C-alpha atoms as a PDB file:
ATOM      1  CA  MET A   1     147.542   1.832 131.485  1.00  0.00           C
ATOM      2  CA  GLU A   2     149.951   5.026 131.632  1.00  0.00           C
ATOM      3  CA  LYS A   3     150.970   6.424 128.292  1.00  0.00           C
ATOM      4  CA  GLU A   4     154.394   4.769 127.403  1.00  0.00           C
ATOM      5  CA  LYS A   5     157.316   7.086 127.953  1.00  0.00           C
ATOM      6  CA  LEU A   6     159.566   7.892 124.852  1.00  0.00           C
ATOM      7  CA  LEU A   7     162.805   7.278 124.315  1.00  0.00           C
ATOM      8  CA  PRO A   8     164.881  10.425 125.114  1.00  0.00           C
ATOM      9  CA  GLU A   9     166.837  11.604 121.794  1.00  0.00           C
ATOM     10  CA  GLY A  10     170.421  10.322 121.434  1.00  0.00           C
ATOM     11  CA  LYS A  11     169.844   7.132 123.947  1.00  0.00           C
ATOM     12  CA  MET A  12     169.762   3.738 123.166  1.00  0.00           C
ATOM     13  CA  LEU A  13     167.159   0.818 124.197  1.00  0.00           C
ATOM     14  CA  ILE A  14     168.207  -2.782 125.957  1.00  0.00           C
ATOM     15  CA  LEU A  15     165.370  -4.898 125.563  1.00  0.00           C
ATOM     16  CA  PHE A  16     166.368  -7.900 127.991  1.00  0.00           C
ATOM     17  CA  ASP A  17     164.422 -10.942 129.083  1.00  0.00           C
ATOM     18  CA  GLY A  18     162.719  -9.629 132.391  1.00  0.00           C
ATOM     19  CA  VAL A  19     162.467 -13.119 134.319  1.00  0.00           C
ATOM     20  CA  CYS A  20     166.255 -14.028 133.993  1.00  0.00           C
ATOM     21  CA  HIS A  21     168.372 -13.631 136.810  1.00  0.00           C
ATOM     22  CA  PHE A  22     171.477 -13.430 134.612  1.00  0.00           C
ATOM     23  CA  CYS A  23     169.638 -11.075 132.222  1.00  0.00           C
ATOM     24  CA  ASN A  24     168.495  -8.678 135.270  1.00  0.00           C
ATOM     25  CA  ASP A  25     171.941  -8.680 136.862  1.00  0.00           C
ATOM     26  CA  SER A  26     173.451  -7.696 133.544  1.00  0.00           C
ATOM     27  CA  VAL A  27     171.069  -4.804 133.414  1.00  0.00           C
ATOM     28  CA  ARG A  28     171.910  -3.676 137.190  1.00  0.00           C
ATOM     29  CA  PHE A  29     175.875  -4.461 135.597  1.00  0.00           C
ATOM     30  CA  ILE A  30     175.345  -1.864 132.639  1.00  0.00           C
ATOM     31  CA  LEU A  31     173.416   0.678 134.928  1.00  0.00           C
ATOM     32  CA  LYS A  32     176.625   0.915 137.175  1.00  0.00           C
ATOM     33  CA  ARG A  33     178.845   1.710 134.214  1.00  0.00           C
ATOM     34  CA  ASP A  34     176.841   3.808 132.248  1.00  0.00           C
ATOM     35  CA  LYS A  35     177.919   6.875 133.512  1.00  0.00           C
ATOM     36  CA  TYR A  36     176.438   9.053 130.549  1.00  0.00           C
ATOM     37  CA  ASP A  37     173.111   7.793 130.891  1.00  0.00           C
ATOM     38  CA  LEU A  38     173.321   6.335 127.370  1.00  0.00           C
ATOM     39  CA  PHE A  39     170.849   3.101 128.017  1.00  0.00           C
ATOM     40  CA  TYR A  40     167.375   3.063 128.804  1.00  0.00           C
ATOM     41  CA  PHE A  41     165.401  -0.316 129.398  1.00  0.00           C
ATOM     42  CA  ALA A  42     162.663  -2.338 128.736  1.00  0.00           C
ATOM     43  CA  SER A  43     161.830  -5.995 129.024  1.00  0.00           C
ATOM     44  CA  LEU A  44     160.962  -8.218 125.958  1.00  0.00           C
ATOM     45  CA  GLN A  45     157.752  -9.291 127.920  1.00  0.00           C
ATOM     46  CA  SER A  46     156.580  -5.687 128.331  1.00  0.00           C
ATOM     47  CA  GLU A  47     153.895  -4.038 125.665  1.00  0.00           C
ATOM     48  CA  LEU A  48     156.916  -1.905 124.890  1.00  0.00           C
ATOM     49  CA  GLY A  49     159.061  -4.661 124.049  1.00  0.00           C
ATOM     50  CA  GLN A  50     157.035  -6.536 122.097  1.00  0.00           C
ATOM     51  CA  GLN A  51     155.736  -3.595 120.046  1.00  0.00           C
ATOM     52  CA  MET A  52     159.521  -2.701 119.499  1.00  0.00           C
ATOM     53  CA  THR A  53     160.526  -6.281 118.472  1.00  0.00           C
ATOM     54  CA  LYS A  54     157.293  -6.456 116.130  1.00  0.00           C
ATOM     55  CA  GLU A  55     158.222  -3.256 114.362  1.00  0.00           C
ATOM     56  CA  ARG A  56     161.578  -4.530 113.514  1.00  0.00           C
ATOM     57  CA  ASP A  57     160.321  -8.313 112.682  1.00  0.00           C
ATOM     58  CA  ILE A  58     162.316  -9.611 115.402  1.00  0.00           C
ATOM     59  CA  ASP A  59     161.384 -13.462 116.293  1.00  0.00           C
ATOM     60  CA  THR A  60     161.579 -13.327 119.855  1.00  0.00           C
ATOM     61  CA  GLU A  61     161.278 -17.446 119.587  1.00  0.00           C
ATOM     62  CA  LYS A  62     165.073 -17.023 118.091  1.00  0.00           C
ATOM     63  CA  VAL A  63     166.355 -13.910 120.028  1.00  0.00           C
ATOM     64  CA  ASP A  64     164.969 -13.891 123.823  1.00  0.00           C
ATOM     65  CA  SER A  65     167.631 -12.825 125.765  1.00  0.00           C
ATOM     66  CA  ILE A  66     169.285  -8.906 124.649  1.00  0.00           C
ATOM     67  CA  ILE A  67     168.373  -6.769 121.875  1.00  0.00           C
ATOM     68  CA  LEU A  68     170.097  -3.341 121.443  1.00  0.00           C
ATOM     69  CA  ILE A  69     168.118  -0.673 119.662  1.00  0.00           C
ATOM     70  CA  ASP A  70     169.298   2.389 118.361  1.00  0.00           C
ATOM     71  CA  PRO A  71     167.653   5.491 117.291  1.00  0.00           C
ATOM     72  CA  GLY A  72     166.633   5.164 113.606  1.00  0.00           C
ATOM     73  CA  ASN A  73     165.281   1.752 113.784  1.00  0.00           C
ATOM     74  CA  ALA A  74     168.935   0.128 113.751  1.00  0.00           C
ATOM     75  CA  TYR A  75     169.004  -2.783 116.363  1.00  0.00           C
ATOM     76  CA  TYR A  76     171.533  -5.310 117.240  1.00  0.00           C
ATOM     77  CA  ILE A  77     171.000  -9.006 118.417  1.00  0.00           C
ATOM     78  CA  LYS A  78     172.851 -11.652 120.384  1.00  0.00           C
ATOM     79  CA  SER A  79     176.654 -11.190 120.780  1.00  0.00           C
ATOM     80  CA  THR A  80     176.711  -7.992 118.696  1.00  0.00           C
ATOM     81  CA  ALA A  81     174.448  -6.310 120.882  1.00  0.00           C
ATOM     82  CA  ALA A  82     176.687  -7.315 123.904  1.00  0.00           C
ATOM     83  CA  LEU A  83     179.513  -6.106 122.161  1.00  0.00           C
ATOM     84  CA  GLU A  84     177.968  -2.698 121.379  1.00  0.00           C
ATOM     85  CA  ILE A  85     176.788  -2.084 124.913  1.00  0.00           C
ATOM     86  CA  ALA A  86     180.407  -2.782 126.274  1.00  0.00           C
ATOM     87  CA  LYS A  87     182.076  -0.583 123.788  1.00  0.00           C
ATOM     88  CA  LYS A  88     179.726   2.293 125.465  1.00  0.00           C
ATOM     89  CA  LEU A  89     180.730   1.649 128.875  1.00  0.00           C
ATOM     90  CA  THR A  90     182.984   3.251 131.216  1.00  0.00           C
ATOM     91  CA  GLY A  91     186.588   1.334 132.342  1.00  0.00           C
ATOM     92  CA  LEU A  92     187.763  -1.213 130.288  1.00  0.00           C
ATOM     93  CA  TRP A  93     184.557  -2.767 129.082  1.00  0.00           C
ATOM     94  CA  PRO A  94     185.233  -0.971 125.288  1.00  0.00           C
ATOM     95  CA  ILE A  95     188.239  -3.151 124.906  1.00  0.00           C
ATOM     96  CA  LEU A  96     185.827  -6.089 124.361  1.00  0.00           C
ATOM     97  CA  GLY A  97     184.731  -4.436 121.314  1.00  0.00           C
ATOM     98  CA  ILE A  98     187.768  -6.576 119.912  1.00  0.00           C
ATOM     99  CA  PHE A  99     185.676  -9.672 119.689  1.00  0.00           C
ATOM    100  CA  SER A 100     183.406  -7.900 116.895  1.00  0.00           C
ATOM    101  CA  TYR A 101     186.390  -8.820 114.532  1.00  0.00           C
ATOM    102  CA  LEU A 102     185.843 -12.478 115.214  1.00  0.00           C
ATOM    103  CA  PRO A 103     183.229 -14.076 112.952  1.00  0.00           C
ATOM    104  CA  GLU A 104     179.384 -13.489 114.222  1.00  0.00           C
ATOM    105  CA  SER A 105     178.512 -16.888 113.601  1.00  0.00           C
ATOM    106  CA  PHE A 106     181.446 -17.917 116.257  1.00  0.00           C
ATOM    107  CA  ARG A 107     180.239 -15.318 118.596  1.00  0.00           C
ATOM    108  CA  ASN A 108     176.683 -16.170 118.610  1.00  0.00           C
ATOM    109  CA  TRP A 109     177.430 -20.086 118.749  1.00  0.00           C
ATOM    110  CA  PHE A 110     178.773 -18.862 122.203  1.00  0.00           C
ATOM    111  CA  TYR A 111     175.995 -16.227 122.988  1.00  0.00           C
ATOM    112  CA  ASP A 112     173.346 -18.833 122.257  1.00  0.00           C
ATOM    113  CA  PHE A 113     175.354 -21.814 124.466  1.00  0.00           C
ATOM    114  CA  VAL A 114     175.069 -19.143 127.159  1.00  0.00           C
ATOM    115  CA  ALA A 115     171.410 -18.169 126.452  1.00  0.00           C
ATOM    116  CA  ARG A 116     170.111 -21.561 126.023  1.00  0.00           C
ATOM    117  CA  ASN A 117     171.687 -22.409 129.623  1.00  0.00           C
ATOM    118  CA  ARG A 118     170.839 -19.123 131.432  1.00  0.00           C
ATOM    119  CA  TYR A 119     167.533 -20.315 133.303  1.00  0.00           C
ATOM    120  CA  SER A 120     169.321 -23.484 134.603  1.00  0.00           C
ATOM    121  CA  TRP A 121     172.503 -21.972 135.661  1.00  0.00           C
ATOM    122  CA  PHE A 122     171.344 -18.691 136.769  1.00  0.00           C
ATOM    123  CA  GLY A 123     167.421 -19.390 137.615  1.00  0.00           C
ATOM    124  CA  LYS A 124     164.174 -17.742 136.521  1.00  0.00           C
ATOM    125  CA  MET A 125     161.848 -15.118 138.390  1.00  0.00           C
ATOM    126  CA  GLU A 126     158.252 -15.490 138.333  1.00  0.00           C
ATOM    127  CA  THR A 127     157.746 -11.603 137.834  1.00  0.00           C
ATOM    128  CA  CYS A 128     160.087  -8.744 136.342  1.00  0.00           C
ATOM    129  CA  PRO A 129     161.804  -7.220 139.734  1.00  0.00           C
ATOM    130  CA  MET A 130     161.170  -3.509 140.356  1.00  0.00           C
ATOM    131  CA  PRO A 131     163.868  -0.915 139.517  1.00  0.00           C
ATOM    132  CA  SER A 132     164.871   0.992 142.366  1.00  0.00           C
ATOM    133  CA  PRO A 133     163.646   4.492 142.512  1.00  0.00           C
ATOM    134  CA  GLU A 134     167.008   5.921 141.261  1.00  0.00           C
ATOM    135  CA  GLU A 135     166.732   3.246 138.358  1.00  0.00           C
ATOM    136  CA  LYS A 136     163.088   3.805 137.516  1.00  0.00           C
ATOM    137  CA  SER A 137     163.365   6.992 135.429  1.00  0.00           C
ATOM    138  CA  ARG A 138     165.886   4.909 133.035  1.00  0.00           C
ATOM    139  CA  PHE A 139     163.129   2.047 132.558  1.00  0.00           C
ATOM    140  CA  LEU A 140     160.376   2.687 130.341  1.00  0.00           C
ATOM    141  CA  ASP A 141     158.164   0.299 130.839  1.00  0.00           C
ATOM    142  CA  THR A 142     157.431   0.532 134.455  1.00  0.00           C
END
């Protein structure tokens, strides 16, 4: 197996459910709006994803859709991860950060509702799709 690429300094890693259509569409959405190439990606199912969650004691039975890892071992899960990502995108997306002022339990209730239903609403893939040649450098588990 090829040695895993390291996360470049000053960048953030998004771990996502690689077999979820909605999650993969979300990654494509982020790629289009990440004009500063801040985010790199790996699927939760990959060796790297499993290693990163294990190192941080993240229970992937409870958090199985998106995790944002910031250098220095800080990480964000669920709605907080989604809002932290939105804050760093171009366009009007950073305005979603206003929802950070809502109680996390309320935000995560909504987030968990969508996460629980994502496969039935959007479908599930048999395997993680391969990134395009232009996107490949941003995926650390390919």
